[in-house]
N, C-alpha and C. Protein backbone atom coordinates (compact mmCIF):
# COMPACT_ATOMS: atom_id res chain seq x y z
N MET A 1 11.97 12.09 -64.72
CA MET A 1 12.59 11.35 -63.65
C MET A 1 12.18 11.97 -62.32
N ALA A 2 12.23 11.18 -61.29
CA ALA A 2 11.83 11.64 -59.96
C ALA A 2 12.82 12.65 -59.41
N ASN A 3 12.46 13.28 -58.33
CA ASN A 3 13.32 14.30 -57.72
C ASN A 3 14.45 13.64 -56.96
N SER A 4 15.33 13.01 -57.61
CA SER A 4 16.44 12.34 -56.97
C SER A 4 17.72 13.04 -57.35
N MET A 5 18.61 13.17 -56.41
CA MET A 5 19.87 13.81 -56.74
C MET A 5 20.87 12.82 -57.31
N TYR A 6 20.49 11.56 -57.42
CA TYR A 6 21.36 10.55 -57.99
C TYR A 6 20.78 10.09 -59.31
N ALA A 7 21.65 9.80 -60.25
CA ALA A 7 21.21 9.39 -61.58
C ALA A 7 20.68 7.97 -61.59
N ASN A 8 21.20 7.10 -60.73
CA ASN A 8 20.70 5.72 -60.69
C ASN A 8 20.84 5.15 -59.28
N ASP A 9 20.23 3.97 -59.07
CA ASP A 9 20.23 3.35 -57.74
C ASP A 9 21.63 2.93 -57.31
N ALA A 10 22.45 2.51 -58.25
CA ALA A 10 23.81 2.06 -57.92
C ALA A 10 24.59 3.22 -57.33
N GLN A 11 24.46 4.41 -57.91
CA GLN A 11 25.18 5.57 -57.41
C GLN A 11 24.67 5.94 -56.02
N ALA A 12 23.36 5.81 -55.76
CA ALA A 12 22.80 6.16 -54.46
C ALA A 12 23.30 5.21 -53.39
N SER A 13 23.38 3.92 -53.70
CA SER A 13 23.78 2.96 -52.68
C SER A 13 25.26 3.05 -52.36
N THR A 14 26.09 3.45 -53.31
CA THR A 14 27.52 3.53 -53.04
C THR A 14 27.91 4.87 -52.45
N SER A 15 27.05 5.84 -52.54
CA SER A 15 27.40 7.16 -52.05
C SER A 15 27.03 7.35 -50.59
N GLY A 16 26.36 6.36 -49.99
CA GLY A 16 25.98 6.48 -48.58
C GLY A 16 24.65 7.17 -48.41
N GLY A 17 23.97 7.50 -49.43
CA GLY A 17 22.69 8.18 -49.32
C GLY A 17 21.55 7.22 -49.52
N GLY A 18 20.88 6.79 -48.50
CA GLY A 18 19.68 5.97 -48.59
C GLY A 18 19.92 4.49 -48.73
N GLY A 19 21.07 4.05 -49.11
CA GLY A 19 21.27 2.63 -49.33
C GLY A 19 22.16 1.99 -48.31
N GLY A 20 22.47 2.66 -47.20
CA GLY A 20 23.38 2.13 -46.19
C GLY A 20 22.77 1.02 -45.37
N TYR A 21 23.47 0.68 -44.30
CA TYR A 21 23.06 -0.44 -43.44
C TYR A 21 22.22 -0.01 -42.24
N GLY A 22 21.91 1.25 -42.13
CA GLY A 22 21.15 1.75 -40.98
C GLY A 22 19.80 1.07 -40.84
N GLY A 23 19.08 0.94 -41.94
CA GLY A 23 17.77 0.29 -41.91
C GLY A 23 17.89 -1.18 -41.58
N TYR A 24 18.90 -1.82 -42.13
CA TYR A 24 19.12 -3.24 -41.86
C TYR A 24 19.50 -3.44 -40.40
N ALA A 25 20.34 -2.55 -39.89
CA ALA A 25 20.76 -2.64 -38.49
C ALA A 25 19.56 -2.49 -37.56
N ALA A 26 18.69 -1.54 -37.88
CA ALA A 26 17.50 -1.32 -37.06
C ALA A 26 16.59 -2.55 -37.10
N ALA A 27 16.42 -3.08 -38.30
CA ALA A 27 15.58 -4.28 -38.44
C ALA A 27 16.19 -5.46 -37.70
N SER A 28 17.51 -5.56 -37.77
CA SER A 28 18.20 -6.65 -37.08
C SER A 28 18.03 -6.51 -35.57
N GLY A 29 18.16 -5.29 -35.08
CA GLY A 29 17.99 -5.04 -33.64
C GLY A 29 16.57 -5.34 -33.20
N LEU A 30 15.62 -4.90 -34.00
CA LEU A 30 14.21 -5.16 -33.67
C LEU A 30 13.91 -6.66 -33.69
N GLY A 31 14.47 -7.35 -34.68
CA GLY A 31 14.29 -8.80 -34.76
C GLY A 31 14.89 -9.50 -33.55
N ALA A 32 16.04 -9.01 -33.10
CA ALA A 32 16.69 -9.59 -31.93
C ALA A 32 15.82 -9.42 -30.69
N ILE A 33 15.24 -8.24 -30.54
CA ILE A 33 14.39 -7.98 -29.37
C ILE A 33 13.13 -8.85 -29.44
N MET A 34 12.55 -8.95 -30.61
CA MET A 34 11.35 -9.77 -30.77
C MET A 34 11.67 -11.25 -30.49
N GLY A 35 12.81 -11.71 -30.98
CA GLY A 35 13.24 -13.09 -30.72
C GLY A 35 13.47 -13.32 -29.24
N PHE A 36 14.06 -12.34 -28.58
CA PHE A 36 14.31 -12.44 -27.14
C PHE A 36 12.99 -12.55 -26.38
N LYS A 37 12.03 -11.69 -26.74
CA LYS A 37 10.72 -11.73 -26.08
C LYS A 37 10.03 -13.08 -26.32
N ALA A 38 10.13 -13.59 -27.54
CA ALA A 38 9.53 -14.89 -27.85
C ALA A 38 10.19 -16.00 -27.04
N SER A 39 11.50 -15.93 -26.90
CA SER A 39 12.21 -16.94 -26.12
C SER A 39 11.84 -16.86 -24.65
N GLN A 40 11.66 -15.67 -24.14
CA GLN A 40 11.25 -15.50 -22.75
C GLN A 40 9.87 -16.13 -22.53
N ALA A 41 8.97 -15.91 -23.49
CA ALA A 41 7.63 -16.51 -23.41
C ALA A 41 7.72 -18.03 -23.49
N ALA A 42 8.60 -18.54 -24.34
CA ALA A 42 8.76 -20.00 -24.46
C ALA A 42 9.32 -20.58 -23.17
N ALA A 43 10.23 -19.87 -22.52
CA ALA A 43 10.79 -20.34 -21.26
C ALA A 43 9.70 -20.39 -20.18
N LYS A 44 8.87 -19.36 -20.15
CA LYS A 44 7.77 -19.34 -19.18
C LYS A 44 6.81 -20.49 -19.46
N GLN A 45 6.51 -20.70 -20.74
CA GLN A 45 5.59 -21.79 -21.12
C GLN A 45 6.16 -23.15 -20.74
N ALA A 46 7.46 -23.34 -20.91
CA ALA A 46 8.10 -24.61 -20.53
C ALA A 46 7.95 -24.84 -19.03
N ARG A 47 8.15 -23.78 -18.25
CA ARG A 47 8.02 -23.90 -16.80
C ARG A 47 6.57 -24.21 -16.40
N LEU A 48 5.62 -23.52 -17.02
CA LEU A 48 4.20 -23.74 -16.71
C LEU A 48 3.73 -25.14 -17.13
N THR A 49 4.21 -25.60 -18.27
CA THR A 49 3.86 -26.94 -18.74
C THR A 49 4.40 -28.00 -17.78
N ALA A 50 5.62 -27.80 -17.33
CA ALA A 50 6.22 -28.74 -16.38
C ALA A 50 5.42 -28.75 -15.07
N GLU A 51 5.01 -27.58 -14.61
CA GLU A 51 4.23 -27.51 -13.37
C GLU A 51 2.89 -28.22 -13.54
N TYR A 52 2.26 -28.04 -14.69
CA TYR A 52 0.99 -28.72 -14.95
C TYR A 52 1.18 -30.24 -14.93
N ASN A 53 2.21 -30.71 -15.62
CA ASN A 53 2.48 -32.16 -15.68
C ASN A 53 2.83 -32.72 -14.29
N ALA A 54 3.52 -31.92 -13.49
CA ALA A 54 3.84 -32.35 -12.12
C ALA A 54 2.56 -32.46 -11.29
N LYS A 55 1.66 -31.52 -11.47
CA LYS A 55 0.37 -31.57 -10.74
C LYS A 55 -0.42 -32.82 -11.16
N VAL A 56 -0.37 -33.15 -12.44
CA VAL A 56 -1.05 -34.37 -12.92
C VAL A 56 -0.47 -35.60 -12.20
N ALA A 57 0.85 -35.67 -12.10
CA ALA A 57 1.49 -36.80 -11.41
C ALA A 57 1.09 -36.84 -9.94
N GLU A 58 1.01 -35.67 -9.30
CA GLU A 58 0.60 -35.63 -7.89
C GLU A 58 -0.86 -36.06 -7.73
N ASN A 59 -1.69 -35.68 -8.67
CA ASN A 59 -3.10 -36.12 -8.62
C ASN A 59 -3.19 -37.63 -8.83
N GLU A 60 -2.34 -38.18 -9.69
CA GLU A 60 -2.31 -39.63 -9.87
C GLU A 60 -1.91 -40.32 -8.57
N ARG A 61 -1.00 -39.70 -7.83
CA ARG A 61 -0.59 -40.25 -6.52
C ARG A 61 -1.79 -40.30 -5.57
N ILE A 62 -2.58 -39.25 -5.57
CA ILE A 62 -3.78 -39.22 -4.72
C ILE A 62 -4.76 -40.31 -5.13
N LEU A 63 -4.91 -40.50 -6.44
CA LEU A 63 -5.80 -41.56 -6.92
C LEU A 63 -5.29 -42.94 -6.50
N LEU A 64 -3.98 -43.11 -6.50
CA LEU A 64 -3.40 -44.38 -6.04
C LEU A 64 -3.72 -44.61 -4.56
N GLN A 65 -3.64 -43.56 -3.75
CA GLN A 65 -3.97 -43.69 -2.33
C GLN A 65 -5.43 -44.12 -2.16
N ARG A 66 -6.32 -43.48 -2.90
CA ARG A 66 -7.74 -43.82 -2.81
C ARG A 66 -7.99 -45.25 -3.27
N SER A 67 -7.33 -45.64 -4.33
CA SER A 67 -7.48 -47.00 -4.86
C SER A 67 -7.02 -48.03 -3.82
N ALA A 68 -5.92 -47.75 -3.15
CA ALA A 68 -5.42 -48.68 -2.13
C ALA A 68 -6.40 -48.78 -0.97
N ARG A 69 -6.96 -47.64 -0.57
CA ARG A 69 -7.97 -47.67 0.52
C ARG A 69 -9.18 -48.50 0.11
N ASP A 70 -9.63 -48.30 -1.13
CA ASP A 70 -10.79 -49.06 -1.62
C ASP A 70 -10.48 -50.55 -1.69
N GLU A 71 -9.27 -50.87 -2.15
CA GLU A 71 -8.88 -52.28 -2.26
C GLU A 71 -8.82 -52.93 -0.87
N GLN A 72 -8.31 -52.20 0.11
CA GLN A 72 -8.28 -52.73 1.48
C GLN A 72 -9.70 -52.93 2.02
N ALA A 73 -10.58 -51.99 1.71
CA ALA A 73 -11.97 -52.11 2.18
C ALA A 73 -12.62 -53.35 1.57
N ARG A 74 -12.39 -53.57 0.25
CA ARG A 74 -12.94 -54.78 -0.39
C ARG A 74 -12.36 -56.04 0.22
N LEU A 75 -11.07 -56.02 0.51
CA LEU A 75 -10.42 -57.18 1.14
C LEU A 75 -11.05 -57.48 2.49
N ARG A 76 -11.25 -56.45 3.29
CA ARG A 76 -11.83 -56.64 4.62
C ARG A 76 -13.29 -57.11 4.54
N GLN A 77 -14.04 -56.60 3.58
CA GLN A 77 -15.42 -57.07 3.40
C GLN A 77 -15.45 -58.54 3.04
N GLY A 78 -14.57 -58.93 2.14
CA GLY A 78 -14.49 -60.35 1.75
C GLY A 78 -14.07 -61.21 2.92
N SER A 79 -13.13 -60.69 3.70
CA SER A 79 -12.67 -61.43 4.87
C SER A 79 -13.78 -61.58 5.91
N ASP A 80 -14.54 -60.50 6.11
CA ASP A 80 -15.66 -60.57 7.06
C ASP A 80 -16.68 -61.62 6.63
N LYS A 81 -16.95 -61.69 5.33
CA LYS A 81 -17.88 -62.70 4.83
C LYS A 81 -17.34 -64.11 5.06
N LEU A 82 -16.05 -64.27 4.82
CA LEU A 82 -15.42 -65.58 5.03
C LEU A 82 -15.48 -65.97 6.50
N ILE A 83 -15.18 -65.04 7.38
CA ILE A 83 -15.21 -65.33 8.82
C ILE A 83 -16.62 -65.69 9.26
N SER A 84 -17.60 -64.96 8.75
CA SER A 84 -19.00 -65.28 9.08
C SER A 84 -19.36 -66.68 8.61
N ALA A 85 -18.93 -67.01 7.41
CA ALA A 85 -19.22 -68.36 6.88
C ALA A 85 -18.52 -69.42 7.73
N GLN A 86 -17.30 -69.16 8.17
CA GLN A 86 -16.58 -70.11 9.01
C GLN A 86 -17.30 -70.29 10.35
N ARG A 87 -17.79 -69.23 10.92
CA ARG A 87 -18.50 -69.33 12.20
C ARG A 87 -19.80 -70.12 12.05
N VAL A 88 -20.52 -69.84 10.96
CA VAL A 88 -21.77 -70.58 10.72
C VAL A 88 -21.47 -72.06 10.53
N ALA A 89 -20.43 -72.37 9.77
CA ALA A 89 -20.08 -73.77 9.54
C ALA A 89 -19.67 -74.44 10.84
N ALA A 90 -18.93 -73.73 11.68
CA ALA A 90 -18.52 -74.30 12.97
C ALA A 90 -19.73 -74.49 13.87
N ALA A 91 -20.66 -73.55 13.86
CA ALA A 91 -21.86 -73.66 14.69
C ALA A 91 -22.73 -74.83 14.23
N LYS A 92 -22.85 -75.02 12.91
CA LYS A 92 -23.66 -76.12 12.38
C LYS A 92 -23.04 -77.47 12.72
N SER A 93 -21.72 -77.51 12.78
CA SER A 93 -21.07 -78.80 13.03
C SER A 93 -21.23 -79.25 14.48
N GLY A 94 -21.54 -78.31 15.33
CA GLY A 94 -21.73 -78.65 16.73
C GLY A 94 -20.44 -78.76 17.51
N VAL A 95 -19.33 -78.42 16.87
CA VAL A 95 -18.04 -78.49 17.55
C VAL A 95 -17.89 -77.23 18.41
N VAL A 96 -17.41 -77.40 19.61
CA VAL A 96 -17.21 -76.27 20.51
C VAL A 96 -16.03 -75.45 20.00
N THR A 97 -16.22 -74.13 19.94
CA THR A 97 -15.19 -73.26 19.35
C THR A 97 -14.04 -72.99 20.29
N GLY A 98 -14.12 -73.34 21.49
CA GLY A 98 -13.04 -73.05 22.43
C GLY A 98 -11.95 -74.09 22.42
N THR A 99 -12.05 -75.11 21.60
CA THR A 99 -11.09 -76.21 21.68
C THR A 99 -10.01 -76.20 20.63
N GLY A 100 -9.92 -75.25 19.78
CA GLY A 100 -8.73 -75.23 18.94
C GLY A 100 -8.91 -74.98 17.48
N SER A 101 -9.28 -76.00 16.72
CA SER A 101 -9.19 -75.92 15.27
C SER A 101 -10.05 -74.80 14.67
N ASN A 102 -11.24 -74.59 15.23
CA ASN A 102 -12.08 -73.50 14.72
C ASN A 102 -11.46 -72.13 15.01
N LEU A 103 -10.92 -72.00 16.21
CA LEU A 103 -10.25 -70.73 16.56
C LEU A 103 -8.99 -70.53 15.72
N LEU A 104 -8.27 -71.61 15.47
CA LEU A 104 -7.07 -71.50 14.63
C LEU A 104 -7.44 -71.07 13.21
N ALA A 105 -8.53 -71.61 12.69
CA ALA A 105 -8.96 -71.23 11.34
C ALA A 105 -9.36 -69.76 11.29
N LEU A 106 -10.07 -69.30 12.33
CA LEU A 106 -10.44 -67.87 12.38
C LEU A 106 -9.21 -66.98 12.52
N ARG A 107 -8.29 -67.41 13.38
CA ARG A 107 -7.05 -66.65 13.55
C ARG A 107 -6.30 -66.56 12.23
N ASP A 108 -6.18 -67.68 11.52
CA ASP A 108 -5.49 -67.68 10.22
C ASP A 108 -6.17 -66.73 9.23
N THR A 109 -7.48 -66.72 9.24
CA THR A 109 -8.21 -65.83 8.34
C THR A 109 -7.91 -64.37 8.67
N TYR A 110 -7.96 -64.03 9.96
CA TYR A 110 -7.64 -62.66 10.37
C TYR A 110 -6.21 -62.28 10.00
N MET A 111 -5.29 -63.18 10.28
CA MET A 111 -3.87 -62.91 10.00
C MET A 111 -3.61 -62.76 8.50
N ASN A 112 -4.20 -63.64 7.71
CA ASN A 112 -4.03 -63.53 6.26
C ASN A 112 -4.62 -62.23 5.72
N THR A 113 -5.74 -61.83 6.28
CA THR A 113 -6.35 -60.56 5.86
C THR A 113 -5.41 -59.40 6.16
N GLU A 114 -4.83 -59.40 7.36
CA GLU A 114 -3.91 -58.32 7.73
C GLU A 114 -2.64 -58.34 6.87
N MET A 115 -2.14 -59.52 6.59
CA MET A 115 -0.94 -59.63 5.72
C MET A 115 -1.25 -59.10 4.32
N ASP A 116 -2.41 -59.43 3.81
CA ASP A 116 -2.81 -58.92 2.49
C ASP A 116 -2.98 -57.40 2.52
N ALA A 117 -3.55 -56.88 3.59
CA ALA A 117 -3.73 -55.43 3.72
C ALA A 117 -2.36 -54.73 3.78
N ILE A 118 -1.43 -55.33 4.50
CA ILE A 118 -0.07 -54.76 4.57
C ILE A 118 0.57 -54.76 3.18
N ALA A 119 0.39 -55.84 2.44
CA ALA A 119 0.95 -55.91 1.08
C ALA A 119 0.33 -54.85 0.18
N ILE A 120 -0.95 -54.61 0.32
CA ILE A 120 -1.62 -53.57 -0.48
C ILE A 120 -1.06 -52.20 -0.12
N ARG A 121 -0.92 -51.92 1.18
CA ARG A 121 -0.37 -50.62 1.61
C ARG A 121 1.06 -50.44 1.13
N TYR A 122 1.85 -51.50 1.20
CA TYR A 122 3.25 -51.42 0.77
C TYR A 122 3.35 -51.14 -0.74
N ALA A 123 2.59 -51.87 -1.53
CA ALA A 123 2.61 -51.65 -2.99
C ALA A 123 2.14 -50.25 -3.32
N SER A 124 1.10 -49.80 -2.64
CA SER A 124 0.60 -48.45 -2.87
C SER A 124 1.64 -47.40 -2.48
N SER A 125 2.32 -47.65 -1.39
CA SER A 125 3.36 -46.73 -0.93
C SER A 125 4.47 -46.59 -1.97
N ILE A 126 4.88 -47.69 -2.56
CA ILE A 126 5.92 -47.66 -3.60
C ILE A 126 5.43 -46.87 -4.81
N GLN A 127 4.20 -47.10 -5.22
CA GLN A 127 3.64 -46.38 -6.37
C GLN A 127 3.52 -44.89 -6.07
N GLU A 128 3.11 -44.55 -4.86
CA GLU A 128 2.97 -43.15 -4.47
C GLU A 128 4.33 -42.45 -4.48
N GLN A 129 5.35 -43.12 -3.96
CA GLN A 129 6.69 -42.54 -3.97
C GLN A 129 7.19 -42.33 -5.39
N ALA A 130 6.87 -43.26 -6.27
CA ALA A 130 7.26 -43.12 -7.68
C ALA A 130 6.59 -41.89 -8.30
N LYS A 131 5.33 -41.66 -7.98
CA LYS A 131 4.62 -40.48 -8.51
C LYS A 131 5.19 -39.19 -7.93
N THR A 132 5.54 -39.22 -6.66
CA THR A 132 6.16 -38.04 -6.03
C THR A 132 7.49 -37.73 -6.70
N ALA A 133 8.29 -38.76 -6.93
CA ALA A 133 9.58 -38.58 -7.60
C ALA A 133 9.38 -38.11 -9.04
N GLN A 134 8.37 -38.65 -9.71
CA GLN A 134 8.08 -38.25 -11.08
C GLN A 134 7.71 -36.76 -11.13
N ALA A 135 6.90 -36.31 -10.19
CA ALA A 135 6.51 -34.90 -10.15
C ALA A 135 7.74 -34.01 -9.94
N ALA A 136 8.62 -34.42 -9.02
CA ALA A 136 9.84 -33.65 -8.77
C ALA A 136 10.74 -33.62 -10.01
N MET A 137 10.84 -34.74 -10.70
CA MET A 137 11.67 -34.81 -11.90
C MET A 137 11.09 -33.93 -13.00
N ILE A 138 9.79 -33.95 -13.15
CA ILE A 138 9.14 -33.11 -14.17
C ILE A 138 9.42 -31.64 -13.89
N ARG A 139 9.31 -31.25 -12.62
CA ARG A 139 9.59 -29.85 -12.26
C ARG A 139 11.04 -29.49 -12.54
N ALA A 140 11.96 -30.39 -12.20
CA ALA A 140 13.38 -30.13 -12.44
C ALA A 140 13.67 -30.02 -13.93
N GLU A 141 13.09 -30.90 -14.73
CA GLU A 141 13.29 -30.83 -16.18
C GLU A 141 12.71 -29.55 -16.75
N GLY A 142 11.56 -29.13 -16.25
CA GLY A 142 10.95 -27.88 -16.72
C GLY A 142 11.81 -26.68 -16.38
N ALA A 143 12.34 -26.66 -15.16
CA ALA A 143 13.22 -25.56 -14.76
C ALA A 143 14.48 -25.55 -15.61
N SER A 144 15.02 -26.73 -15.87
CA SER A 144 16.22 -26.83 -16.70
C SER A 144 15.95 -26.37 -18.13
N ARG A 145 14.82 -26.82 -18.69
CA ARG A 145 14.46 -26.42 -20.04
C ARG A 145 14.24 -24.91 -20.12
N SER A 146 13.55 -24.37 -19.12
CA SER A 146 13.29 -22.93 -19.06
C SER A 146 14.61 -22.16 -18.98
N SER A 147 15.50 -22.62 -18.15
CA SER A 147 16.80 -21.97 -17.99
C SER A 147 17.61 -22.02 -19.29
N ALA A 148 17.58 -23.17 -19.96
CA ALA A 148 18.31 -23.31 -21.23
C ALA A 148 17.76 -22.36 -22.29
N ILE A 149 16.44 -22.24 -22.34
CA ILE A 149 15.83 -21.35 -23.32
C ILE A 149 16.20 -19.90 -23.02
N LYS A 150 16.18 -19.53 -21.73
CA LYS A 150 16.55 -18.16 -21.35
C LYS A 150 18.01 -17.87 -21.67
N THR A 151 18.87 -18.84 -21.37
CA THR A 151 20.29 -18.65 -21.66
C THR A 151 20.52 -18.47 -23.16
N GLN A 152 19.84 -19.29 -23.97
CA GLN A 152 19.96 -19.17 -25.41
C GLN A 152 19.41 -17.83 -25.89
N ALA A 153 18.35 -17.37 -25.25
CA ALA A 153 17.76 -16.07 -25.63
C ALA A 153 18.76 -14.94 -25.38
N TYR A 154 19.44 -14.98 -24.22
CA TYR A 154 20.43 -13.95 -23.94
C TYR A 154 21.61 -14.03 -24.90
N ALA A 155 22.04 -15.25 -25.20
CA ALA A 155 23.14 -15.42 -26.15
C ALA A 155 22.76 -14.88 -27.52
N ASN A 156 21.55 -15.18 -27.98
CA ASN A 156 21.09 -14.66 -29.27
C ASN A 156 20.99 -13.15 -29.25
N LEU A 157 20.52 -12.58 -28.15
CA LEU A 157 20.40 -11.13 -28.05
C LEU A 157 21.78 -10.48 -28.09
N LEU A 158 22.73 -11.05 -27.38
CA LEU A 158 24.09 -10.49 -27.40
C LEU A 158 24.72 -10.60 -28.79
N GLU A 159 24.52 -11.74 -29.43
CA GLU A 159 25.06 -11.93 -30.78
C GLU A 159 24.44 -10.94 -31.76
N SER A 160 23.14 -10.77 -31.67
CA SER A 160 22.45 -9.83 -32.57
C SER A 160 22.88 -8.40 -32.28
N GLY A 161 23.10 -8.10 -30.99
CA GLY A 161 23.57 -6.76 -30.62
C GLY A 161 24.93 -6.49 -31.20
N ALA A 162 25.80 -7.50 -31.17
CA ALA A 162 27.14 -7.33 -31.73
C ALA A 162 27.07 -7.13 -33.24
N LYS A 163 26.23 -7.89 -33.91
CA LYS A 163 26.07 -7.72 -35.36
C LYS A 163 25.52 -6.34 -35.68
N THR A 164 24.53 -5.90 -34.92
CA THR A 164 23.93 -4.59 -35.15
C THR A 164 24.97 -3.49 -34.94
N ALA A 165 25.77 -3.64 -33.89
CA ALA A 165 26.81 -2.64 -33.63
C ALA A 165 27.83 -2.61 -34.76
N THR A 166 28.15 -3.77 -35.29
CA THR A 166 29.10 -3.84 -36.40
C THR A 166 28.52 -3.16 -37.64
N LEU A 167 27.23 -3.39 -37.89
CA LEU A 167 26.59 -2.77 -39.04
C LEU A 167 26.48 -1.26 -38.89
N MET A 168 26.29 -0.81 -37.68
CA MET A 168 26.14 0.62 -37.43
C MET A 168 27.48 1.34 -37.56
N GLY A 169 28.55 0.59 -37.49
CA GLY A 169 29.84 1.19 -37.77
C GLY A 169 30.60 1.48 -36.57
């Protein structure tokens, strides 16, 4: 038999020699610390993920601004072509442009172009505000998620500490 002062394992565990809770308590404490560190990393990751997603939403807002500018440019190009065609048609007809209907048609074309451009800017503005709000909401949710994970990590650490203290006696 080995150099043991106990005749069997049952006697060793009940006598307080080698079979106590000290090792379990240490393992429990170490597990609690490791869990806490993992939760802290998860909280940081939640915050970083939220920041990344918020940046994506802000970049989408910038793309919306560019798209609105491009759409207005296309509108104005089309309008310029229409105005040119109207002038050519008026010139071919031989009607003097200072007497009314041709000028009214040109005025209407200019006004409609500006009204359409205003509508494009307004719609773009609403979409941009929605993206700005979305980015803010994503950041707030990330901060909230991060805070909840940290709070749970502290609660778990305290609970594990209490269990370890109880095991240690």
